[in-house]
Amino acid sequence: MTHYQGRCHCGAVRFSFEGEEIDRGVRCNCSMCARRGAMMSPYPIPRAQFQIVAEPQALGLYQFGEKTAEHYFCKRCGIYPFHVPGRYPDHYRVNLACIDEIDTFALPFDVLDGRQL
């Protein structure tokens, strides 16, 4: 298991978790993910293994459609650090670009067909 730490651009929202080594990412083609262009973690992370530290009032939530997914963002810098997938309500997926040790421009990725979910 590898320990990962991530943060938004300004550092007001931070997260950490332990998981398998990340050697690839996931891009989703749903309307939200396609617009933000982020690369997500290749596996969902159980809530019990995910720690969030956010300055007061810094963490924002955006939901749309059926409001099953929870898309979080930093209210200060606007960066999306993580979300709760609609299909996995007890898990998180993270924006891999928020983890300094991961180069998302060099990482291979799979495409999740979120438009059809």
PDB file of N, CA and C in Angstrom:
ATOM      1  N   MET A   1       0.839  -1.185   0.000  1.00  0.00           N
ATOM      2  CA  MET A   1       0.000   0.000   0.000  1.00  0.00           C
ATOM      3  C   MET A   1       0.886   1.252   0.000  1.00  0.00           C
ATOM      4  N   THR A   2       0.420   2.257  -0.694  1.00  0.00           N
ATOM      5  CA  THR A   2       1.143   3.523  -0.789  1.00  0.00           C
ATOM      6  C   THR A   2       0.321   4.617  -0.127  1.00  0.00           C
ATOM      7  N   HIS A   3       0.996   5.513   0.578  1.00  0.00           N
ATOM      8  CA  HIS A   3       0.316   6.643   1.214  1.00  0.00           C
ATOM      9  C   HIS A   3       0.350   7.831   0.249  1.00  0.00           C
ATOM     10  N   TYR A   4      -0.823   8.392  -0.032  1.00  0.00           N
ATOM     11  CA  TYR A   4      -0.938   9.536  -0.936  1.00  0.00           C
ATOM     12  C   TYR A   4      -1.490  10.734  -0.184  1.00  0.00           C
ATOM     13  N   GLN A   5      -0.978  11.902  -0.527  1.00  0.00           N
ATOM     14  CA  GLN A   5      -1.482  13.162   0.012  1.00  0.00           C
ATOM     15  C   GLN A   5      -1.720  14.103  -1.160  1.00  0.00           C
ATOM     16  N   GLY A   6      -2.827  14.817  -1.092  1.00  0.00           N
ATOM     17  CA  GLY A   6      -3.141  15.759  -2.148  1.00  0.00           C
ATOM     18  C   GLY A   6      -3.728  17.030  -1.584  1.00  0.00           C
ATOM     19  N   ARG A   7      -3.814  18.040  -2.456  1.00  0.00           N
ATOM     20  CA  ARG A   7      -4.364  19.318  -2.017  1.00  0.00           C
ATOM     21  C   ARG A   7      -4.837  20.110  -3.227  1.00  0.00           C
ATOM     22  N   CYS A   8      -5.687  21.077  -2.950  1.00  0.00           N
ATOM     23  CA  CYS A   8      -6.095  22.014  -3.990  1.00  0.00           C
ATOM     24  C   CYS A   8      -4.922  22.958  -4.267  1.00  0.00           C
ATOM     25  N   HIS A   9      -5.093  23.921  -5.141  1.00  0.00           N
ATOM     26  CA  HIS A   9      -4.004  24.830  -5.513  1.00  0.00           C
ATOM     27  C   HIS A   9      -3.540  25.692  -4.343  1.00  0.00           C
ATOM     28  N   CYS A  10      -4.487  26.232  -3.572  1.00  0.00           N
ATOM     29  CA  CYS A  10      -4.122  27.140  -2.473  1.00  0.00           C
ATOM     30  C   CYS A  10      -3.818  26.413  -1.165  1.00  0.00           C
ATOM     31  N   GLY A  11      -4.140  25.125  -1.080  1.00  0.00           N
ATOM     32  CA  GLY A  11      -3.858  24.344   0.120  1.00  0.00           C
ATOM     33  C   GLY A  11      -4.931  24.379   1.184  1.00  0.00           C
ATOM     34  N   ALA A  12      -6.046  25.049   0.932  1.00  0.00           N
ATOM     35  CA  ALA A  12      -7.126  25.123   1.924  1.00  0.00           C
ATOM     36  C   ALA A  12      -7.873  23.804   2.069  1.00  0.00           C
ATOM     37  N   VAL A  13      -7.829  22.958   1.032  1.00  0.00           N
ATOM     38  CA  VAL A  13      -8.462  21.639   1.067  1.00  0.00           C
ATOM     39  C   VAL A  13      -7.374  20.599   0.814  1.00  0.00           C
ATOM     40  N   ARG A  14      -7.243  19.667   1.757  1.00  0.00           N
ATOM     41  CA  ARG A  14      -6.236  18.612   1.657  1.00  0.00           C
ATOM     42  C   ARG A  14      -6.904  17.262   1.862  1.00  0.00           C
ATOM     43  N   PHE A  15      -6.284  16.234   1.340  1.00  0.00           N
ATOM     44  CA  PHE A  15      -6.800  14.878   1.535  1.00  0.00           C
ATOM     45  C   PHE A  15      -5.635  13.910   1.579  1.00  0.00           C
ATOM     46  N   SER A  16      -5.888  12.727   2.134  1.00  0.00           N
ATOM     47  CA  SER A  16      -4.889  11.664   2.145  1.00  0.00           C
ATOM     48  C   SER A  16      -5.596  10.320   2.175  1.00  0.00           C
ATOM     49  N   PHE A  17      -4.895   9.311   1.695  1.00  0.00           N
ATOM     50  CA  PHE A  17      -5.430   7.956   1.697  1.00  0.00           C
ATOM     51  C   PHE A  17      -4.290   6.985   1.437  1.00  0.00           C
ATOM     52  N   GLU A  18      -4.544   5.719   1.729  1.00  0.00           N
ATOM     53  CA  GLU A  18      -3.611   4.652   1.397  1.00  0.00           C
ATOM     54  C   GLU A  18      -4.292   3.751   0.392  1.00  0.00           C
ATOM     55  N   GLY A  19      -3.533   3.339  -0.603  1.00  0.00           N
ATOM     56  CA  GLY A  19      -4.110   2.478  -1.632  1.00  0.00           C
ATOM     57  C   GLY A  19      -3.030   1.839  -2.466  1.00  0.00           C
ATOM     58  N   GLU A  20      -3.486   1.109  -3.455  1.00  0.00           N
ATOM     59  CA  GLU A  20      -2.572   0.467  -4.391  1.00  0.00           C
ATOM     60  C   GLU A  20      -1.776   1.539  -5.128  1.00  0.00           C
ATOM     61  N   GLU A  21      -0.606   1.167  -5.609  1.00  0.00           N
ATOM     62  CA  GLU A  21       0.192   2.112  -6.374  1.00  0.00           C
ATOM     63  C   GLU A  21      -0.598   2.576  -7.598  1.00  0.00           C
ATOM     64  N   ILE A  22      -0.601   3.866  -7.828  1.00  0.00           N
ATOM     65  CA  ILE A  22      -1.332   4.433  -8.954  1.00  0.00           C
ATOM     66  C   ILE A  22      -0.383   4.511 -10.150  1.00  0.00           C
ATOM     67  N   ASP A  23      -0.674   3.696 -11.160  1.00  0.00           N
ATOM     68  CA  ASP A  23       0.163   3.682 -12.356  1.00  0.00           C
ATOM     69  C   ASP A  23      -0.637   4.012 -13.616  1.00  0.00           C
ATOM     70  N   ARG A  24      -1.898   4.386 -13.427  1.00  0.00           N
ATOM     71  CA  ARG A  24      -2.743   4.827 -14.525  1.00  0.00           C
ATOM     72  C   ARG A  24      -3.913   5.609 -13.934  1.00  0.00           C
ATOM     73  N   GLY A  25      -4.613   6.331 -14.766  1.00  0.00           N
ATOM     74  CA  GLY A  25      -5.736   7.129 -14.310  1.00  0.00           C
ATOM     75  C   GLY A  25      -6.997   6.789 -15.071  1.00  0.00           C
ATOM     76  N   VAL A  26      -8.043   7.551 -14.779  1.00  0.00           N
ATOM     77  CA  VAL A  26      -9.336   7.390 -15.449  1.00  0.00           C
ATOM     78  C   VAL A  26      -9.835   8.773 -15.844  1.00  0.00           C
ATOM     79  N   ARG A  27     -10.284   8.883 -17.074  1.00  0.00           N
ATOM     80  CA  ARG A  27     -10.964  10.086 -17.536  1.00  0.00           C
ATOM     81  C   ARG A  27     -12.401   9.680 -17.824  1.00  0.00           C
ATOM     82  N   CYS A  28     -13.331  10.554 -17.480  1.00  0.00           N
ATOM     83  CA  CYS A  28     -14.754  10.280 -17.658  1.00  0.00           C
ATOM     84  C   CYS A  28     -15.310  11.247 -18.701  1.00  0.00           C
ATOM     85  N   ASN A  29     -16.262  10.783 -19.491  1.00  0.00           N
ATOM     86  CA  ASN A  29     -16.843  11.625 -20.529  1.00  0.00           C
ATOM     87  C   ASN A  29     -18.213  12.199 -20.168  1.00  0.00           C
ATOM     88  N   CYS A  30     -18.601  12.126 -18.883  1.00  0.00           N
ATOM     89  CA  CYS A  30     -19.872  12.750 -18.500  1.00  0.00           C
ATOM     90  C   CYS A  30     -19.734  14.268 -18.656  1.00  0.00           C
ATOM     91  N   SER A  31     -20.849  14.967 -18.622  1.00  0.00           N
ATOM     92  CA  SER A  31     -20.815  16.417 -18.863  1.00  0.00           C
ATOM     93  C   SER A  31     -19.931  17.157 -17.863  1.00  0.00           C
ATOM     94  N   MET A  32     -19.905  16.743 -16.623  1.00  0.00           N
ATOM     95  CA  MET A  32     -19.100  17.417 -15.600  1.00  0.00           C
ATOM     96  C   MET A  32     -17.602  17.149 -15.817  1.00  0.00           C
ATOM     97  N   CYS A  33     -17.237  15.890 -15.929  1.00  0.00           N
ATOM     98  CA  CYS A  33     -15.824  15.531 -16.061  1.00  0.00           C
ATOM     99  C   CYS A  33     -15.224  16.011 -17.382  1.00  0.00           C
ATOM    100  N   ALA A  34     -15.984  15.937 -18.457  1.00  0.00           N
ATOM    101  CA  ALA A  34     -15.475  16.388 -19.747  1.00  0.00           C
ATOM    102  C   ALA A  34     -15.125  17.868 -19.702  1.00  0.00           C
ATOM    103  N   ARG A  35     -15.915  18.661 -18.990  1.00  0.00           N
ATOM    104  CA  ARG A  35     -15.654  20.096 -18.910  1.00  0.00           C
ATOM    105  C   ARG A  35     -14.474  20.430 -17.999  1.00  0.00           C
ATOM    106  N   ARG A  36     -14.305  19.675 -16.923  1.00  0.00           N
ATOM    107  CA  ARG A  36     -13.205  20.015 -16.022  1.00  0.00           C
ATOM    108  C   ARG A  36     -11.897  19.366 -16.448  1.00  0.00           C
ATOM    109  N   GLY A  37     -11.942  18.332 -17.266  1.00  0.00           N
ATOM    110  CA  GLY A  37     -10.745  17.751 -17.845  1.00  0.00           C
ATOM    111  C   GLY A  37      -9.811  17.055 -16.882  1.00  0.00           C
ATOM    112  N   ALA A  38     -10.281  16.671 -15.730  1.00  0.00           N
ATOM    113  CA  ALA A  38      -9.411  16.059 -14.720  1.00  0.00           C
ATOM    114  C   ALA A  38      -9.190  14.571 -14.977  1.00  0.00           C
ATOM    115  N   MET A  39      -8.074  14.074 -14.469  1.00  0.00           N
ATOM    116  CA  MET A  39      -7.815  12.648 -14.464  1.00  0.00           C
ATOM    117  C   MET A  39      -8.028  12.148 -13.043  1.00  0.00           C
ATOM    118  N   MET A  40      -8.856  11.121 -12.917  1.00  0.00           N
ATOM    119  CA  MET A  40      -9.228  10.607 -11.598  1.00  0.00           C
ATOM    120  C   MET A  40      -8.444   9.360 -11.229  1.00  0.00           C
ATOM    121  N   SER A  41      -8.521   9.035  -9.953  1.00  0.00           N
ATOM    122  CA  SER A  41      -7.899   7.810  -9.458  1.00  0.00           C
ATOM    123  C   SER A  41      -8.522   6.610 -10.168  1.00  0.00           C
ATOM    124  N   PRO A  42      -7.723   5.562 -10.400  1.00  0.00           N
ATOM    125  CA  PRO A  42      -8.217   4.409 -11.145  1.00  0.00           C
ATOM    126  C   PRO A  42      -9.170   3.521 -10.353  1.00  0.00           C
ATOM    127  N   TYR A  43      -9.240   3.727  -9.071  1.00  0.00           N
ATOM    128  CA  TYR A  43     -10.120   2.926  -8.223  1.00  0.00           C
ATOM    129  C   TYR A  43     -10.817   3.832  -7.210  1.00  0.00           C
ATOM    130  N   PRO A  44     -12.041   3.447  -6.818  1.00  0.00           N
ATOM    131  CA  PRO A  44     -12.715   4.214  -5.766  1.00  0.00           C
ATOM    132  C   PRO A  44     -12.068   3.918  -4.412  1.00  0.00           C
ATOM    133  N   ILE A  45     -11.992   4.930  -3.569  1.00  0.00           N
ATOM    134  CA  ILE A  45     -11.346   4.821  -2.265  1.00  0.00           C
ATOM    135  C   ILE A  45     -12.433   4.805  -1.188  1.00  0.00           C
ATOM    136  N   PRO A  46     -12.496   3.762  -0.360  1.00  0.00           N
ATOM    137  CA  PRO A  46     -13.520   3.705   0.682  1.00  0.00           C
ATOM    138  C   PRO A  46     -13.433   4.905   1.637  1.00  0.00           C
ATOM    139  N   ARG A  47     -14.585   5.419   2.040  1.00  0.00           N
ATOM    140  CA  ARG A  47     -14.640   6.569   2.961  1.00  0.00           C
ATOM    141  C   ARG A  47     -13.793   6.341   4.203  1.00  0.00           C
ATOM    142  N   ALA A  48     -13.793   5.126   4.715  1.00  0.00           N
ATOM    143  CA  ALA A  48     -13.049   4.828   5.944  1.00  0.00           C
ATOM    144  C   ALA A  48     -11.539   4.988   5.756  1.00  0.00           C
ATOM    145  N   GLN A  49     -11.056   4.932   4.522  1.00  0.00           N
ATOM    146  CA  GLN A  49      -9.627   5.052   4.246  1.00  0.00           C
ATOM    147  C   GLN A  49      -9.252   6.442   3.734  1.00  0.00           C
ATOM    148  N   PHE A  50     -10.202   7.377   3.714  1.00  0.00           N
ATOM    149  CA  PHE A  50      -9.989   8.690   3.104  1.00  0.00           C
ATOM    150  C   PHE A  50     -10.116   9.769   4.170  1.00  0.00           C
ATOM    151  N   GLN A  51      -9.104  10.611   4.284  1.00  0.00           N
ATOM    152  CA  GLN A  51      -9.123  11.688   5.268  1.00  0.00           C
ATOM    153  C   GLN A  51      -9.160  13.032   4.535  1.00  0.00           C
ATOM    154  N   ILE A  52     -10.045  13.906   5.011  1.00  0.00           N
ATOM    155  CA  ILE A  52     -10.182  15.253   4.453  1.00  0.00           C
ATOM    156  C   ILE A  52      -9.847  16.255   5.537  1.00  0.00           C
ATOM    157  N   VAL A  53      -9.018  17.230   5.208  1.00  0.00           N
ATOM    158  CA  VAL A  53      -8.733  18.351   6.098  1.00  0.00           C
ATOM    159  C   VAL A  53      -8.991  19.605   5.285  1.00  0.00           C
ATOM    160  N   ALA A  54      -9.959  20.387   5.719  1.00  0.00           N
ATOM    161  CA  ALA A  54     -10.300  21.608   4.985  1.00  0.00           C
ATOM    162  C   ALA A  54     -10.436  22.766   5.960  1.00  0.00           C
ATOM    163  N   GLU A  55      -9.917  23.908   5.559  1.00  0.00           N
ATOM    164  CA  GLU A  55     -10.101  25.105   6.361  1.00  0.00           C
ATOM    165  C   GLU A  55     -11.595  25.426   6.412  1.00  0.00           C
ATOM    166  N   PRO A  56     -12.058  26.041   7.503  1.00  0.00           N
ATOM    167  CA  PRO A  56     -13.479  26.364   7.613  1.00  0.00           C
ATOM    168  C   PRO A  56     -13.975  27.154   6.393  1.00  0.00           C
ATOM    169  N   GLN A  57     -15.117  26.759   5.908  1.00  0.00           N
ATOM    170  CA  GLN A  57     -15.782  27.423   4.785  1.00  0.00           C
ATOM    171  C   GLN A  57     -15.081  27.246   3.445  1.00  0.00           C
ATOM    172  N   ALA A  58     -14.032  26.444   3.354  1.00  0.00           N
ATOM    173  CA  ALA A  58     -13.285  26.314   2.096  1.00  0.00           C
ATOM    174  C   ALA A  58     -13.849  25.259   1.155  1.00  0.00           C
ATOM    175  N   LEU A  59     -14.471  24.232   1.692  1.00  0.00           N
ATOM    176  CA  LEU A  59     -14.931  23.124   0.870  1.00  0.00           C
ATOM    177  C   LEU A  59     -16.348  23.375   0.365  1.00  0.00           C
ATOM    178  N   GLY A  60     -16.492  23.403  -0.951  1.00  0.00           N
ATOM    179  CA  GLY A  60     -17.796  23.582  -1.572  1.00  0.00           C
ATOM    180  C   GLY A  60     -18.281  22.284  -2.189  1.00  0.00           C
ATOM    181  N   LEU A  61     -19.577  22.190  -2.402  1.00  0.00           N
ATOM    182  CA  LEU A  61     -20.196  21.000  -2.983  1.00  0.00           C
ATOM    183  C   LEU A  61     -21.061  21.416  -4.156  1.00  0.00           C
ATOM    184  N   TYR A  62     -20.921  20.694  -5.268  1.00  0.00           N
ATOM    185  CA  TYR A  62     -21.770  20.917  -6.435  1.00  0.00           C
ATOM    186  C   TYR A  62     -22.418  19.592  -6.814  1.00  0.00           C
ATOM    187  N   GLN A  63     -23.725  19.632  -7.036  1.00  0.00           N
ATOM    188  CA  GLN A  63     -24.457  18.456  -7.489  1.00  0.00           C
ATOM    189  C   GLN A  63     -25.364  18.870  -8.637  1.00  0.00           C
ATOM    190  N   PHE A  64     -25.664  17.931  -9.500  1.00  0.00           N
ATOM    191  CA  PHE A  64     -26.562  18.205 -10.611  1.00  0.00           C
ATOM    192  C   PHE A  64     -27.351  16.944 -10.946  1.00  0.00           C
ATOM    193  N   GLY A  65     -28.306  17.058 -11.837  1.00  0.00           N
ATOM    194  CA  GLY A  65     -29.103  15.910 -12.263  1.00  0.00           C
ATOM    195  C   GLY A  65     -29.812  15.257 -11.094  1.00  0.00           C
ATOM    196  N   GLU A  66     -29.575  13.982 -10.913  1.00  0.00           N
ATOM    197  CA  GLU A  66     -30.215  13.231  -9.828  1.00  0.00           C
ATOM    198  C   GLU A  66     -29.591  13.492  -8.465  1.00  0.00           C
ATOM    199  N   LYS A  67     -28.517  14.250  -8.433  1.00  0.00           N
ATOM    200  CA  LYS A  67     -27.823  14.633  -7.197  1.00  0.00           C
ATOM    201  C   LYS A  67     -27.340  13.431  -6.388  1.00  0.00           C
ATOM    202  N   THR A  68     -26.884  12.406  -7.095  1.00  0.00           N
ATOM    203  CA  THR A  68     -26.332  11.249  -6.390  1.00  0.00           C
ATOM    204  C   THR A  68     -24.823  11.395  -6.204  1.00  0.00           C
ATOM    205  N   ALA A  69     -24.144  12.001  -7.173  1.00  0.00           N
ATOM    206  CA  ALA A  69     -22.711  12.238  -7.047  1.00  0.00           C
ATOM    207  C   ALA A  69     -22.472  13.548  -6.300  1.00  0.00           C
ATOM    208  N   GLU A  70     -21.370  13.604  -5.568  1.00  0.00           N
ATOM    209  CA  GLU A  70     -21.001  14.804  -4.812  1.00  0.00           C
ATOM    210  C   GLU A  70     -19.665  15.308  -5.342  1.00  0.00           C
ATOM    211  N   HIS A  71     -19.694  16.431  -6.043  1.00  0.00           N
ATOM    212  CA  HIS A  71     -18.486  17.015  -6.630  1.00  0.00           C
ATOM    213  C   HIS A  71     -17.993  18.139  -5.717  1.00  0.00           C
ATOM    214  N   TYR A  72     -16.832  17.945  -5.116  1.00  0.00           N
ATOM    215  CA  TYR A  72     -16.291  18.922  -4.180  1.00  0.00           C
ATOM    216  C   TYR A  72     -15.274  19.829  -4.871  1.00  0.00           C
ATOM    217  N   PHE A  73     -15.189  21.062  -4.388  1.00  0.00           N
ATOM    218  CA  PHE A  73     -14.242  22.030  -4.931  1.00  0.00           C
ATOM    219  C   PHE A  73     -13.827  22.984  -3.827  1.00  0.00           C
ATOM    220  N   CYS A  74     -12.699  23.634  -4.013  1.00  0.00           N
ATOM    221  CA  CYS A  74     -12.232  24.627  -3.058  1.00  0.00           C
ATOM    222  C   CYS A  74     -12.879  25.959  -3.407  1.00  0.00           C
ATOM    223  N   LYS A  75     -13.520  26.571  -2.445  1.00  0.00           N
ATOM    224  CA  LYS A  75     -14.179  27.860  -2.673  1.00  0.00           C
ATOM    225  C   LYS A  75     -13.178  29.000  -2.852  1.00  0.00           C
ATOM    226  N   ARG A  76     -11.937  28.790  -2.463  1.00  0.00           N
ATOM    227  CA  ARG A  76     -10.920  29.841  -2.610  1.00  0.00           C
ATOM    228  C   ARG A  76     -10.271  29.830  -3.985  1.00  0.00           C
ATOM    229  N   CYS A  77      -9.785  28.661  -4.404  1.00  0.00           N
ATOM    230  CA  CYS A  77      -9.049  28.607  -5.677  1.00  0.00           C
ATOM    231  C   CYS A  77      -9.830  27.944  -6.807  1.00  0.00           C
ATOM    232  N   GLY A  78     -10.935  27.277  -6.486  1.00  0.00           N
ATOM    233  CA  GLY A  78     -11.789  26.684  -7.509  1.00  0.00           C
ATOM    234  C   GLY A  78     -11.419  25.290  -7.961  1.00  0.00           C
ATOM    235  N   ILE A  79     -10.364  24.716  -7.421  1.00  0.00           N
ATOM    236  CA  ILE A  79      -9.893  23.398  -7.865  1.00  0.00           C
ATOM    237  C   ILE A  79     -10.775  22.277  -7.343  1.00  0.00           C
ATOM    238  N   TYR A  80     -11.005  21.285  -8.212  1.00  0.00           N
ATOM    239  CA  TYR A  80     -11.724  20.055  -7.849  1.00  0.00           C
ATOM    240  C   TYR A  80     -10.700  19.050  -7.308  1.00  0.00           C
ATOM    241  N   PRO A  81     -10.731  18.726  -5.993  1.00  0.00           N
ATOM    242  CA  PRO A  81      -9.772  17.760  -5.452  1.00  0.00           C
ATOM    243  C   PRO A  81     -10.299  16.316  -5.426  1.00  0.00           C
ATOM    244  N   PHE A  82     -11.617  16.143  -5.239  1.00  0.00           N
ATOM    245  CA  PHE A  82     -12.185  14.795  -5.116  1.00  0.00           C
ATOM    246  C   PHE A  82     -13.696  14.854  -5.275  1.00  0.00           C
ATOM    247  N   HIS A  83     -14.289  13.675  -5.451  1.00  0.00           N
ATOM    248  CA  HIS A  83     -15.745  13.584  -5.520  1.00  0.00           C
ATOM    249  C   HIS A  83     -16.208  12.221  -5.011  1.00  0.00           C
ATOM    250  N   VAL A  84     -17.489  12.141  -4.699  1.00  0.00           N
ATOM    251  CA  VAL A  84     -18.136  10.881  -4.347  1.00  0.00           C
ATOM    252  C   VAL A  84     -18.914  10.443  -5.592  1.00  0.00           C
ATOM    253  N   PRO A  85     -18.530   9.317  -6.204  1.00  0.00           N
ATOM    254  CA  PRO A  85     -19.224   8.870  -7.410  1.00  0.00           C
ATOM    255  C   PRO A  85     -20.648   8.422  -7.108  1.00  0.00           C
ATOM    256  N   GLY A  86     -21.537   8.692  -8.022  1.00  0.00           N
ATOM    257  CA  GLY A  86     -22.927   8.263  -7.857  1.00  0.00           C
ATOM    258  C   GLY A  86     -23.063   6.758  -7.737  1.00  0.00           C
ATOM    259  N   ARG A  87     -22.199   6.020  -8.422  1.00  0.00           N
ATOM    260  CA  ARG A  87     -22.256   4.554  -8.388  1.00  0.00           C
ATOM    261  C   ARG A  87     -21.623   3.961  -7.137  1.00  0.00           C
ATOM    262  N   TYR A  88     -20.800   4.745  -6.447  1.00  0.00           N
ATOM    263  CA  TYR A  88     -20.100   4.272  -5.246  1.00  0.00           C
ATOM    264  C   TYR A  88     -20.266   5.299  -4.129  1.00  0.00           C
ATOM    265  N   PRO A  89     -21.451   5.390  -3.535  1.00  0.00           N
ATOM    266  CA  PRO A  89     -21.718   6.462  -2.556  1.00  0.00           C
ATOM    267  C   PRO A  89     -20.905   6.377  -1.263  1.00  0.00           C
ATOM    268  N   ASP A  90     -20.255   5.274  -1.016  1.00  0.00           N
ATOM    269  CA  ASP A  90     -19.423   5.133   0.188  1.00  0.00           C
ATOM    270  C   ASP A  90     -17.937   5.235  -0.143  1.00  0.00           C
ATOM    271  N   HIS A  91     -17.621   5.853  -1.271  1.00  0.00           N
ATOM    272  CA  HIS A  91     -16.246   5.951  -1.749  1.00  0.00           C
ATOM    273  C   HIS A  91     -15.960   7.346  -2.308  1.00  0.00           C
ATOM    274  N   TYR A  92     -14.681   7.594  -2.529  1.00  0.00           N
ATOM    275  CA  TYR A  92     -14.225   8.819  -3.196  1.00  0.00           C
ATOM    276  C   TYR A  92     -13.379   8.434  -4.402  1.00  0.00           C
ATOM    277  N   ARG A  93     -13.294   9.339  -5.349  1.00  0.00           N
ATOM    278  CA  ARG A  93     -12.274   9.314  -6.392  1.00  0.00           C
ATOM    279  C   ARG A  93     -11.582  10.660  -6.302  1.00  0.00           C
ATOM    280  N   VAL A  94     -10.295  10.682  -6.545  1.00  0.00           N
ATOM    281  CA  VAL A  94      -9.538  11.923  -6.401  1.00  0.00           C
ATOM    282  C   VAL A  94      -9.051  12.427  -7.750  1.00  0.00           C
ATOM    283  N   ASN A  95      -8.806  13.720  -7.813  1.00  0.00           N
ATOM    284  CA  ASN A  95      -8.186  14.357  -8.956  1.00  0.00           C
ATOM    285  C   ASN A  95      -6.688  14.102  -8.821  1.00  0.00           C
ATOM    286  N   LEU A  96      -6.136  13.261  -9.679  1.00  0.00           N
ATOM    287  CA  LEU A  96      -4.730  12.890  -9.565  1.00  0.00           C
ATOM    288  C   LEU A  96      -3.786  14.074  -9.732  1.00  0.00           C
ATOM    289  N   ALA A  97      -4.226  15.127 -10.388  1.00  0.00           N
ATOM    290  CA  ALA A  97      -3.385  16.317 -10.546  1.00  0.00           C
ATOM    291  C   ALA A  97      -3.175  17.045  -9.221  1.00  0.00           C
ATOM    292  N   CYS A  98      -3.962  16.707  -8.208  1.00  0.00           N
ATOM    293  CA  CYS A  98      -3.802  17.316  -6.879  1.00  0.00           C
ATOM    294  C   CYS A  98      -2.756  16.601  -6.034  1.00  0.00           C
ATOM    295  N   ILE A  99      -2.198  15.520  -6.549  1.00  0.00           N
ATOM    296  CA  ILE A  99      -1.138  14.779  -5.859  1.00  0.00           C
ATOM    297  C   ILE A  99       0.178  15.131  -6.546  1.00  0.00           C
ATOM    298  N   ASP A 100       1.042  15.868  -5.855  1.00  0.00           N
ATOM    299  CA  ASP A 100       2.273  16.386  -6.457  1.00  0.00           C
ATOM    300  C   ASP A 100       3.161  15.308  -7.077  1.00  0.00           C
ATOM    301  N   GLU A 101       3.184  14.128  -6.502  1.00  0.00           N
ATOM    302  CA  GLU A 101       4.083  13.070  -6.973  1.00  0.00           C
ATOM    303  C   GLU A 101       3.596  12.380  -8.246  1.00  0.00           C
ATOM    304  N   ILE A 102       2.410  12.699  -8.709  1.00  0.00           N
ATOM    305  CA  ILE A 102       1.861  12.052  -9.897  1.00  0.00           C
ATOM    306  C   ILE A 102       1.858  13.034 -11.064  1.00  0.00           C
ATOM    307  N   ASP A 103       2.476  12.624 -12.165  1.00  0.00           N
ATOM    308  CA  ASP A 103       2.501  13.432 -13.378  1.00  0.00           C
ATOM    309  C   ASP A 103       1.382  12.951 -14.296  1.00  0.00           C
ATOM    310  N   THR A 104       0.248  13.623 -14.278  1.00  0.00           N
ATOM    311  CA  THR A 104      -0.902  13.186 -15.068  1.00  0.00           C
ATOM    312  C   THR A 104      -0.666  13.327 -16.571  1.00  0.00           C
ATOM    313  N   PHE A 105       0.329  14.110 -16.980  1.00  0.00           N
ATOM    314  CA  PHE A 105       0.626  14.237 -18.407  1.00  0.00           C
ATOM    315  C   PHE A 105       1.408  13.031 -18.932  1.00  0.00           C
ATOM    316  N   ALA A 106       2.029  12.270 -18.040  1.00  0.00           N
ATOM    317  CA  ALA A 106       2.803  11.094 -18.434  1.00  0.00           C
ATOM    318  C   ALA A 106       2.071   9.790 -18.111  1.00  0.00           C
ATOM    319  N   LEU A 107       0.923   9.880 -17.459  1.00  0.00           N
ATOM    320  CA  LEU A 107       0.207   8.698 -16.973  1.00  0.00           C
ATOM    321  C   LEU A 107      -0.773   8.175 -18.031  1.00  0.00           C
ATOM    322  N   PRO A 108      -0.717   6.874 -18.321  1.00  0.00           N
ATOM    323  CA  PRO A 108      -1.738   6.317 -19.209  1.00  0.00           C
ATOM    324  C   PRO A 108      -3.093   6.351 -18.497  1.00  0.00           C
ATOM    325  N   PHE A 109      -4.169   6.289 -19.279  1.00  0.00           N
ATOM    326  CA  PHE A 109      -5.502   6.357 -18.658  1.00  0.00           C
ATOM    327  C   PHE A 109      -6.518   5.541 -19.437  1.00  0.00           C
ATOM    328  N   ASP A 110      -7.569   5.159 -18.741  1.00  0.00           N
ATOM    329  CA  ASP A 110      -8.731   4.520 -19.327  1.00  0.00           C
ATOM    330  C   ASP A 110      -9.849   5.550 -19.394  1.00  0.00           C
ATOM    331  N   VAL A 111     -10.849   5.291 -20.218  1.00  0.00           N
ATOM    332  CA  VAL A 111     -11.996   6.199 -20.317  1.00  0.00           C
ATOM    333  C   VAL A 111     -13.219   5.501 -19.740  1.00  0.00           C
ATOM    334  N   LEU A 112     -13.866   6.169 -18.806  1.00  0.00           N
ATOM    335  CA  LEU A 112     -15.113   5.707 -18.212  1.00  0.00           C
ATOM    336  C   LEU A 112     -16.252   6.367 -18.975  1.00  0.00           C
ATOM    337  N   ASP A 113     -17.181   5.596 -19.478  1.00  0.00           N
ATOM    338  CA  ASP A 113     -18.300   6.136 -20.238  1.00  0.00           C
ATOM    339  C   ASP A 113     -19.395   6.613 -19.288  1.00  0.00           C
ATOM    340  N   GLY A 114     -19.140   7.761 -18.661  1.00  0.00           N
ATOM    341  CA  GLY A 114     -20.092   8.330 -17.713  1.00  0.00           C
ATOM    342  C   GLY A 114     -21.364   8.840 -18.342  1.00  0.00           C
ATOM    343  N   ARG A 115     -21.362   9.098 -19.633  1.00  0.00           N
ATOM    344  CA  ARG A 115     -22.572   9.550 -20.318  1.00  0.00           C
ATOM    345  C   ARG A 115     -23.648   8.484 -20.308  1.00  0.00           C
ATOM    346  N   GLN A 116     -23.216   7.235 -20.285  1.00  0.00           N
ATOM    347  CA  GLN A 116     -24.165   6.132 -20.348  1.00  0.00           C
ATOM    348  C   GLN A 116     -24.569   5.585 -18.983  1.00  0.00           C
ATOM    349  N   LEU A 117     -24.000   6.119 -17.923  1.00  0.00           N
ATOM    350  CA  LEU A 117     -24.325   5.602 -16.571  1.00  0.00           C
ATOM    351  C   LEU A 117     -25.565   6.240 -16.029  1.00  0.00           C
TER     352      LEU A 117
END
